[in-house]
Structures are given as structure tokens and as C-alpha cells.
Amino acid sequence: SLKNSLDFIVDTASGDHPFDPYLALLKVGGIMALVGFPGEIRVHPATLNLGARTLSGSVTGGTKDTQEMINFCTANKIYPDIELIKIDYINEALERLVNRDVRYRFVIDIESSLK
């Protein structure tokens, strides 16, 4: 089980989603940084208080901060889970979003799409 196993979570999701299951993954004193913009945030107080966990918000920084983050991720082999799609799949991708049939962030492969 991953419960109480993580020090830090960066939540990039912009859609509404539950927070308690993710906060429960944090160790005591763990931090979840919210950089997405969901419509609503609902958290049971015990999820935060009993684990001395922190839920914080942040907007992305400028070019310097972004480059530092990319360098850190590269050095520590941290990569995003994505689903790479071609541009001609965009309508199906949108339909999957509507149906909540998406596990990873869609990334459009423009280079392959133009060949």
C-alpha cells in the first residue's frame, strides 16, 4: 500500500477530483501542492490534521523557476505519465475527456501529425 509513503505530491489536475485519497498517501508532515485549478476543493479536516499534512496552492513560476524544475526532474529521472496522440485523434480524445475515460494527460504529437 502507498498510504503514508510520499513526502510531496504536485497535483496538476484542473478538473474536479477527490483530494482525501491523495492526501492519505502523504507521510506525516507531507505536502500536496496544488497547481491546477479545480472548480472545488473538498477535504475532510481529519485527513489534514491527523497527519499534520499541508495542502498548498501555487501558480507556476517564471522561466527560471520552470527551468530549475525541469533540471531537477531530469537529474532525478522524474517523468510525467502521458498519452501521446496525433492531431487526427483529437475528437476521440475530447470525447474521452467528456466520458472521464482518461488516465493520463493527453499530449498532441504535432511533429508526427504533420508528416
Protein backbone atom coordinates (compact mmCIF):
# COMPACT_ATOMS: atom_id res chain seq x y z
CA SER A 1 0.00 0.00 0.00
CA LEU A 2 1.20 3.51 -0.79
CA LYS A 3 -0.63 5.03 2.18
CA ASN A 4 1.64 7.33 4.22
CA SER A 5 4.54 6.77 1.81
CA LEU A 6 5.07 10.07 -0.02
CA ASP A 7 6.70 13.30 1.14
CA PHE A 8 5.33 15.54 -1.60
CA ILE A 9 2.65 15.50 -4.30
CA VAL A 10 2.27 18.02 -7.12
CA ASP A 11 -1.38 17.98 -8.19
CA THR A 12 -1.70 19.34 -11.74
CA ALA A 13 -5.30 18.27 -12.37
CA SER A 14 -7.67 21.08 -13.27
CA GLY A 15 -10.86 19.02 -13.20
CA ASP A 16 -12.81 18.30 -10.04
CA HIS A 17 -11.45 15.26 -8.21
CA PRO A 18 -11.29 13.88 -4.66
CA PHE A 19 -8.40 15.13 -2.54
CA ASP A 20 -8.60 12.88 0.53
CA PRO A 21 -7.32 9.71 -1.21
CA TYR A 22 -4.23 11.57 -2.43
CA LEU A 23 -3.60 13.35 0.86
CA ALA A 24 -3.71 9.94 2.59
CA LEU A 25 -0.67 8.94 0.52
CA LEU A 26 1.42 11.59 2.30
CA LYS A 27 3.65 10.85 5.26
CA VAL A 28 3.19 12.81 8.48
CA GLY A 29 4.11 16.40 7.64
CA GLY A 30 3.77 15.76 3.90
CA ILE A 31 2.79 18.47 1.45
CA MET A 32 0.42 18.44 -1.51
CA ALA A 33 0.98 21.42 -3.82
CA LEU A 34 -2.00 22.29 -5.98
CA VAL A 35 -1.05 23.92 -9.28
CA GLY A 36 -4.19 23.02 -11.23
CA PHE A 37 -7.48 24.88 -10.94
CA PRO A 38 -10.31 22.53 -9.97
CA GLY A 39 -13.72 24.08 -9.51
CA GLU A 40 -13.98 22.99 -5.88
CA ILE A 41 -11.70 21.65 -3.15
CA ARG A 42 -13.28 19.42 -0.53
CA VAL A 43 -11.13 17.86 2.18
CA HIS A 44 -12.10 16.12 5.38
CA PRO A 45 -10.30 18.00 8.19
CA ALA A 46 -9.04 14.77 9.76
CA THR A 47 -7.12 13.97 6.58
CA LEU A 48 -5.03 17.09 7.12
CA ASN A 49 -4.98 17.38 10.90
CA LEU A 50 -4.25 13.79 11.93
CA GLY A 51 -1.27 13.58 9.61
CA ALA A 52 -0.07 17.16 10.06
CA ARG A 53 -0.34 17.37 6.28
CA THR A 54 -0.33 20.57 4.25
CA LEU A 55 -2.40 21.41 1.18
CA SER A 56 -0.96 24.46 -0.53
CA GLY A 57 -1.56 26.30 -3.77
CA SER A 58 0.86 27.75 -6.23
CA VAL A 59 0.93 29.15 -9.70
CA THR A 60 3.80 28.19 -11.93
CA GLY A 61 6.84 30.41 -11.72
CA GLY A 62 8.67 32.21 -14.46
CA THR A 63 11.20 30.85 -16.92
CA LYS A 64 13.95 30.50 -14.29
CA ASP A 65 11.74 28.51 -11.90
CA THR A 66 10.45 26.32 -14.72
CA GLN A 67 13.99 25.55 -15.90
CA GLU A 68 15.07 24.66 -12.34
CA MET A 69 12.13 22.28 -12.06
CA ILE A 70 12.94 20.65 -15.41
CA ASN A 71 16.60 20.26 -14.38
CA PHE A 72 15.56 18.71 -11.05
CA CYS A 73 13.19 16.27 -12.75
CA THR A 74 15.83 15.31 -15.31
CA ALA A 75 18.52 14.79 -12.67
CA ASN A 76 16.15 12.63 -10.58
CA LYS A 77 14.59 10.77 -13.53
CA ILE A 78 11.10 12.10 -12.81
CA TYR A 79 8.94 11.92 -15.92
CA PRO A 80 5.24 12.60 -16.49
CA ASP A 81 2.78 9.86 -17.38
CA ILE A 82 1.15 10.98 -20.61
CA GLU A 83 -0.84 9.62 -23.51
CA LEU A 84 0.73 10.81 -26.75
CA ILE A 85 -1.84 11.31 -29.51
CA LYS A 86 -1.81 12.51 -33.10
CA ILE A 87 -3.86 15.54 -34.08
CA ASP A 88 -6.34 13.43 -36.05
CA TYR A 89 -7.31 11.71 -32.77
CA ILE A 90 -8.35 14.99 -31.13
CA ASN A 91 -12.12 14.43 -31.46
CA GLU A 92 -11.86 11.00 -29.84
CA ALA A 93 -9.65 12.48 -27.11
CA LEU A 94 -12.25 15.17 -26.38
CA GLU A 95 -14.98 12.52 -26.26
CA ARG A 96 -12.88 10.52 -23.80
CA LEU A 97 -12.47 13.64 -21.65
CA VAL A 98 -16.23 14.14 -21.59
CA ASN A 99 -16.70 10.47 -20.64
CA ARG A 100 -13.95 10.68 -17.98
CA ASP A 101 -12.08 7.89 -19.76
CA VAL A 102 -8.64 9.45 -19.35
CA ARG A 103 -5.88 8.11 -17.16
CA TYR A 104 -3.03 10.40 -18.21
CA ARG A 105 -2.70 13.88 -19.64
CA PHE A 106 -3.11 14.00 -23.43
CA VAL A 107 -0.15 15.44 -25.31
CA ILE A 108 -0.59 16.12 -29.02
CA ASP A 109 2.37 14.96 -31.09
CA ILE A 110 2.38 17.79 -33.61
CA GLU A 111 5.57 16.69 -35.38
CA SER A 112 4.26 13.20 -36.20
CA SER A 113 0.84 14.61 -37.04
CA LEU A 114 2.24 16.83 -39.79
CA LYS A 115 4.10 14.06 -41.64
